[in-house]
């Protein structure tokens, strides 16, 4: 499923997905953009006669030519496992961009001062709510949403509590 949101200061995707993975894997989340059809790029002649000082940095410098990615983040589930094991956990990650196309002003500064090392540009922050749910019974269907996971966990914990009460 592919959904698009209008790019702005704060974008709430409100998108849930299931990642069926081993705990020792590294997960990469990428944000992709698509150009609006009604926005035209400047004509080459306009770009030729616009001074570099007047030319503003645009979002297009951040967009990957290959797949339209604007930023990505990576995290290792094993580092978060204790926090999200059978309970919701919200984590914040910086979205970085390693393919940023420098503006002509930055390129001139680089020629003058010497080359900078390639750095990752942080283009935003991504808040992710995670929940690690181990497979307890392979025959049971996997909950599809965080709400269903919470309800299943509460039912499981209630059942465990009832059984431990009977054992005493």
C-alpha atoms as a PDB file:
ATOM      1  CA  UNK A   1       0.000   0.000   0.000  1.00  0.00           C
ATOM      2  CA  UNK A   2       1.401   3.360  -0.967  1.00  0.00           C
ATOM      3  CA  UNK A   3       0.070   6.570   0.536  1.00  0.00           C
ATOM      4  CA  UNK A   4       1.251  10.086  -0.019  1.00  0.00           C
ATOM      5  CA  UNK A   5       1.055  12.942   2.464  1.00  0.00           C
ATOM      6  CA  UNK A   6       1.681  16.628   1.857  1.00  0.00           C
ATOM      7  CA  UNK A   7       5.219  17.442   2.923  1.00  0.00           C
ATOM      8  CA  UNK A   8       5.368  19.889   5.809  1.00  0.00           C
ATOM      9  CA  UNK A   9       7.023  20.637   9.142  1.00  0.00           C
ATOM     10  CA  UNK A  10       5.168  17.841  10.979  1.00  0.00           C
ATOM     11  CA  UNK A  11       3.708  14.968   8.976  1.00  0.00           C
ATOM     12  CA  UNK A  12       1.673  12.273  10.716  1.00  0.00           C
ATOM     13  CA  UNK A  13       1.710   9.151   8.557  1.00  0.00           C
ATOM     14  CA  UNK A  14      -0.375   7.039  10.951  1.00  0.00           C
ATOM     15  CA  UNK A  15       0.681   3.940   9.048  1.00  0.00           C
ATOM     16  CA  UNK A  16       0.990   0.472  10.562  1.00  0.00           C
ATOM     17  CA  UNK A  17       2.858  -2.477   9.166  1.00  0.00           C
ATOM     18  CA  UNK A  18       4.066  -5.850  10.313  1.00  0.00           C
ATOM     19  CA  UNK A  19       7.757  -6.593   9.986  1.00  0.00           C
ATOM     20  CA  UNK A  20       8.290 -10.309  10.300  1.00  0.00           C
ATOM     21  CA  UNK A  21      11.961 -10.535  11.168  1.00  0.00           C
ATOM     22  CA  UNK A  22      14.582 -12.104  13.359  1.00  0.00           C
ATOM     23  CA  UNK A  23      15.617 -10.080  16.423  1.00  0.00           C
ATOM     24  CA  UNK A  24      19.213  -9.632  15.205  1.00  0.00           C
ATOM     25  CA  UNK A  25      18.320  -7.895  11.930  1.00  0.00           C
ATOM     26  CA  UNK A  26      18.846  -4.235  11.072  1.00  0.00           C
ATOM     27  CA  UNK A  27      15.739  -2.484   9.759  1.00  0.00           C
ATOM     28  CA  UNK A  28      15.895   0.429   7.307  1.00  0.00           C
ATOM     29  CA  UNK A  29      12.950   2.798   6.879  1.00  0.00           C
ATOM     30  CA  UNK A  30      13.114   5.179   3.905  1.00  0.00           C
ATOM     31  CA  UNK A  31      10.931   8.184   3.146  1.00  0.00           C
ATOM     32  CA  UNK A  32      10.209   8.747  -0.528  1.00  0.00           C
ATOM     33  CA  UNK A  33       8.733  11.783  -2.264  1.00  0.00           C
ATOM     34  CA  UNK A  34       7.148  12.250  -5.629  1.00  0.00           C
ATOM     35  CA  UNK A  35       6.939  15.544  -7.498  1.00  0.00           C
ATOM     36  CA  UNK A  36       3.574  17.202  -7.848  1.00  0.00           C
ATOM     37  CA  UNK A  37       2.447  17.105 -11.451  1.00  0.00           C
ATOM     38  CA  UNK A  38       1.326  20.731 -11.469  1.00  0.00           C
ATOM     39  CA  UNK A  39       4.720  22.115 -10.355  1.00  0.00           C
ATOM     40  CA  UNK A  40       7.088  22.735 -13.233  1.00  0.00           C
ATOM     41  CA  UNK A  41      10.810  23.061 -12.832  1.00  0.00           C
ATOM     42  CA  UNK A  42      12.381  26.301 -13.992  1.00  0.00           C
ATOM     43  CA  UNK A  43      13.296  26.501 -17.630  1.00  0.00           C
ATOM     44  CA  UNK A  44      17.009  26.039 -18.344  1.00  0.00           C
ATOM     45  CA  UNK A  45      17.284  29.611 -19.634  1.00  0.00           C
ATOM     46  CA  UNK A  46      15.873  30.961 -16.345  1.00  0.00           C
ATOM     47  CA  UNK A  47      18.383  28.935 -14.349  1.00  0.00           C
ATOM     48  CA  UNK A  48      21.201  30.201 -16.582  1.00  0.00           C
ATOM     49  CA  UNK A  49      20.477  33.869 -15.844  1.00  0.00           C
ATOM     50  CA  UNK A  50      19.676  33.521 -12.151  1.00  0.00           C
ATOM     51  CA  UNK A  51      22.633  34.351  -9.927  1.00  0.00           C
ATOM     52  CA  UNK A  52      23.843  31.722  -7.492  1.00  0.00           C
ATOM     53  CA  UNK A  53      23.154  34.090  -4.615  1.00  0.00           C
ATOM     54  CA  UNK A  54      19.503  34.420  -5.572  1.00  0.00           C
ATOM     55  CA  UNK A  55      19.082  30.734  -6.248  1.00  0.00           C
ATOM     56  CA  UNK A  56      17.646  29.095  -3.164  1.00  0.00           C
ATOM     57  CA  UNK A  57      18.305  25.567  -2.083  1.00  0.00           C
ATOM     58  CA  UNK A  58      15.404  23.409  -3.102  1.00  0.00           C
ATOM     59  CA  UNK A  59      14.057  20.128  -1.924  1.00  0.00           C
ATOM     60  CA  UNK A  60      15.229  18.491  -5.134  1.00  0.00           C
ATOM     61  CA  UNK A  61      18.812  18.522  -3.847  1.00  0.00           C
ATOM     62  CA  UNK A  62      17.769  16.107  -1.121  1.00  0.00           C
ATOM     63  CA  UNK A  63      15.880  13.669  -3.359  1.00  0.00           C
ATOM     64  CA  UNK A  64      17.735  10.578  -4.561  1.00  0.00           C
ATOM     65  CA  UNK A  65      17.858  10.384  -8.354  1.00  0.00           C
ATOM     66  CA  UNK A  66      17.501   6.616  -8.252  1.00  0.00           C
ATOM     67  CA  UNK A  67      14.403   5.986  -6.159  1.00  0.00           C
ATOM     68  CA  UNK A  68      13.002   9.313  -4.904  1.00  0.00           C
ATOM     69  CA  UNK A  69      14.172   8.768  -1.317  1.00  0.00           C
ATOM     70  CA  UNK A  70      14.541  11.918   0.750  1.00  0.00           C
ATOM     71  CA  UNK A  71      15.792  10.365   3.973  1.00  0.00           C
ATOM     72  CA  UNK A  72      16.248   7.099   5.764  1.00  0.00           C
ATOM     73  CA  UNK A  73      16.915   5.721   9.193  1.00  0.00           C
ATOM     74  CA  UNK A  74      18.267   2.416  10.410  1.00  0.00           C
ATOM     75  CA  UNK A  75      17.862   0.635  13.690  1.00  0.00           C
ATOM     76  CA  UNK A  76      18.784  -2.715  15.135  1.00  0.00           C
ATOM     77  CA  UNK A  77      15.868  -4.495  16.729  1.00  0.00           C
ATOM     78  CA  UNK A  78      18.178  -6.272  19.172  1.00  0.00           C
ATOM     79  CA  UNK A  79      19.029  -2.897  20.786  1.00  0.00           C
ATOM     80  CA  UNK A  80      15.343  -2.131  21.365  1.00  0.00           C
ATOM     81  CA  UNK A  81      14.116  -5.620  22.170  1.00  0.00           C
ATOM     82  CA  UNK A  82      14.082  -5.176  25.946  1.00  0.00           C
ATOM     83  CA  UNK A  83      12.022  -1.976  25.637  1.00  0.00           C
ATOM     84  CA  UNK A  84       9.426  -3.250  23.148  1.00  0.00           C
ATOM     85  CA  UNK A  85       9.157  -6.904  24.186  1.00  0.00           C
ATOM     86  CA  UNK A  86       5.401  -7.532  24.494  1.00  0.00           C
ATOM     87  CA  UNK A  87       4.702  -3.836  25.149  1.00  0.00           C
ATOM     88  CA  UNK A  88       4.436  -0.730  22.969  1.00  0.00           C
ATOM     89  CA  UNK A  89       7.535   1.444  22.823  1.00  0.00           C
ATOM     90  CA  UNK A  90       7.950   4.734  20.985  1.00  0.00           C
ATOM     91  CA  UNK A  91      11.390   5.485  19.594  1.00  0.00           C
ATOM     92  CA  UNK A  92      12.668   8.553  17.751  1.00  0.00           C
ATOM     93  CA  UNK A  93      15.261   8.282  15.013  1.00  0.00           C
ATOM     94  CA  UNK A  94      17.018  10.890  12.912  1.00  0.00           C
ATOM     95  CA  UNK A  95      16.360  10.570   9.196  1.00  0.00           C
ATOM     96  CA  UNK A  96      19.597  11.128   7.364  1.00  0.00           C
ATOM     97  CA  UNK A  97      20.458  11.833   3.773  1.00  0.00           C
ATOM     98  CA  UNK A  98      23.837  10.771   2.372  1.00  0.00           C
ATOM     99  CA  UNK A  99      23.093  11.665  -1.249  1.00  0.00           C
ATOM    100  CA  UNK A 100      22.465  15.401  -0.777  1.00  0.00           C
ATOM    101  CA  UNK A 101      23.421  17.342  -3.913  1.00  0.00           C
ATOM    102  CA  UNK A 102      25.273  20.426  -2.727  1.00  0.00           C
ATOM    103  CA  UNK A 103      24.205  23.835  -3.992  1.00  0.00           C
ATOM    104  CA  UNK A 104      26.586  25.724  -6.253  1.00  0.00           C
ATOM    105  CA  UNK A 105      27.432  28.043  -3.345  1.00  0.00           C
ATOM    106  CA  UNK A 106      28.457  25.067  -1.217  1.00  0.00           C
ATOM    107  CA  UNK A 107      30.477  23.641  -4.112  1.00  0.00           C
ATOM    108  CA  UNK A 108      32.312  26.968  -4.536  1.00  0.00           C
ATOM    109  CA  UNK A 109      33.025  27.124  -0.792  1.00  0.00           C
ATOM    110  CA  UNK A 110      34.363  23.567  -0.966  1.00  0.00           C
ATOM    111  CA  UNK A 111      36.728  24.488  -3.823  1.00  0.00           C
ATOM    112  CA  UNK A 112      37.964  27.519  -1.907  1.00  0.00           C
ATOM    113  CA  UNK A 113      38.388  25.923   1.539  1.00  0.00           C
ATOM    114  CA  UNK A 114      39.243  22.393   0.500  1.00  0.00           C
ATOM    115  CA  UNK A 115      36.956  19.395   0.301  1.00  0.00           C
ATOM    116  CA  UNK A 116      34.756  18.614   3.262  1.00  0.00           C
ATOM    117  CA  UNK A 117      34.316  15.047   4.258  1.00  0.00           C
ATOM    118  CA  UNK A 118      31.058  13.559   3.139  1.00  0.00           C
ATOM    119  CA  UNK A 119      28.651  14.024   5.998  1.00  0.00           C
ATOM    120  CA  UNK A 120      25.171  12.765   6.585  1.00  0.00           C
ATOM    121  CA  UNK A 121      22.578  15.519   6.507  1.00  0.00           C
ATOM    122  CA  UNK A 122      19.811  15.067   9.045  1.00  0.00           C
ATOM    123  CA  UNK A 123      16.586  15.928   7.236  1.00  0.00           C
ATOM    124  CA  UNK A 124      14.067  15.083   9.925  1.00  0.00           C
ATOM    125  CA  UNK A 125      13.077  12.919  12.823  1.00  0.00           C
ATOM    126  CA  UNK A 126      10.971   9.788  12.587  1.00  0.00           C
ATOM    127  CA  UNK A 127       8.898   8.609  15.555  1.00  0.00           C
ATOM    128  CA  UNK A 128       8.103   4.919  15.426  1.00  0.00           C
ATOM    129  CA  UNK A 129       5.908   2.989  17.817  1.00  0.00           C
ATOM    130  CA  UNK A 130       7.197  -0.562  18.028  1.00  0.00           C
ATOM    131  CA  UNK A 131       6.048  -3.744  19.675  1.00  0.00           C
ATOM    132  CA  UNK A 132       7.927  -7.022  19.537  1.00  0.00           C
ATOM    133  CA  UNK A 133       5.556  -9.942  19.709  1.00  0.00           C
ATOM    134  CA  UNK A 134       7.202 -13.369  19.753  1.00  0.00           C
ATOM    135  CA  UNK A 135       5.363 -16.244  18.113  1.00  0.00           C
ATOM    136  CA  UNK A 136       3.696 -18.095  20.993  1.00  0.00           C
ATOM    137  CA  UNK A 137       1.427 -20.353  18.987  1.00  0.00           C
ATOM    138  CA  UNK A 138       2.135 -20.716  15.253  1.00  0.00           C
ATOM    139  CA  UNK A 139      -1.461 -21.809  14.649  1.00  0.00           C
ATOM    140  CA  UNK A 140      -2.916 -18.557  16.034  1.00  0.00           C
ATOM    141  CA  UNK A 141      -3.314 -15.656  13.593  1.00  0.00           C
ATOM    142  CA  UNK A 142      -0.939 -12.736  14.083  1.00  0.00           C
ATOM    143  CA  UNK A 143      -2.637  -9.491  15.222  1.00  0.00           C
ATOM    144  CA  UNK A 144      -2.581  -6.959  12.406  1.00  0.00           C
ATOM    145  CA  UNK A 145      -2.606  -3.666  14.335  1.00  0.00           C
ATOM    146  CA  UNK A 146      -1.044  -2.306  17.513  1.00  0.00           C
ATOM    147  CA  UNK A 147      -4.522  -2.119  19.034  1.00  0.00           C
ATOM    148  CA  UNK A 148      -5.110  -5.823  18.326  1.00  0.00           C
ATOM    149  CA  UNK A 149      -1.652  -6.623  19.746  1.00  0.00           C
ATOM    150  CA  UNK A 150      -2.429  -4.729  22.951  1.00  0.00           C
ATOM    151  CA  UNK A 151      -5.771  -6.504  23.298  1.00  0.00           C
ATOM    152  CA  UNK A 152      -4.140  -9.917  22.702  1.00  0.00           C
ATOM    153  CA  UNK A 153      -1.406  -9.155  25.240  1.00  0.00           C
ATOM    154  CA  UNK A 154      -3.941  -8.029  27.841  1.00  0.00           C
ATOM    155  CA  UNK A 155      -5.959 -11.216  27.294  1.00  0.00           C
ATOM    156  CA  UNK A 156      -2.788 -13.310  27.570  1.00  0.00           C
ATOM    157  CA  UNK A 157      -1.708 -11.516  30.777  1.00  0.00           C
ATOM    158  CA  UNK A 158      -5.199 -11.883  32.271  1.00  0.00           C
ATOM    159  CA  UNK A 159      -5.174 -15.599  31.433  1.00  0.00           C
ATOM    160  CA  UNK A 160      -1.715 -15.994  33.017  1.00  0.00           C
ATOM    161  CA  UNK A 161      -2.923 -14.177  36.132  1.00  0.00           C
ATOM    162  CA  UNK A 162      -5.992 -16.412  36.383  1.00  0.00           C
ATOM    163  CA  UNK A 163      -3.900 -19.565  36.031  1.00  0.00           C
ATOM    164  CA  UNK A 164      -1.379 -18.423  38.642  1.00  0.00           C
ATOM    165  CA  UNK A 165      -4.301 -17.607  40.997  1.00  0.00           C
ATOM    166  CA  UNK A 166      -5.647 -21.142  40.616  1.00  0.00           C
ATOM    167  CA  UNK A 167      -2.231 -22.660  41.277  1.00  0.00           C
ATOM    168  CA  UNK A 168      -1.949 -20.927  44.684  1.00  0.00           C
END
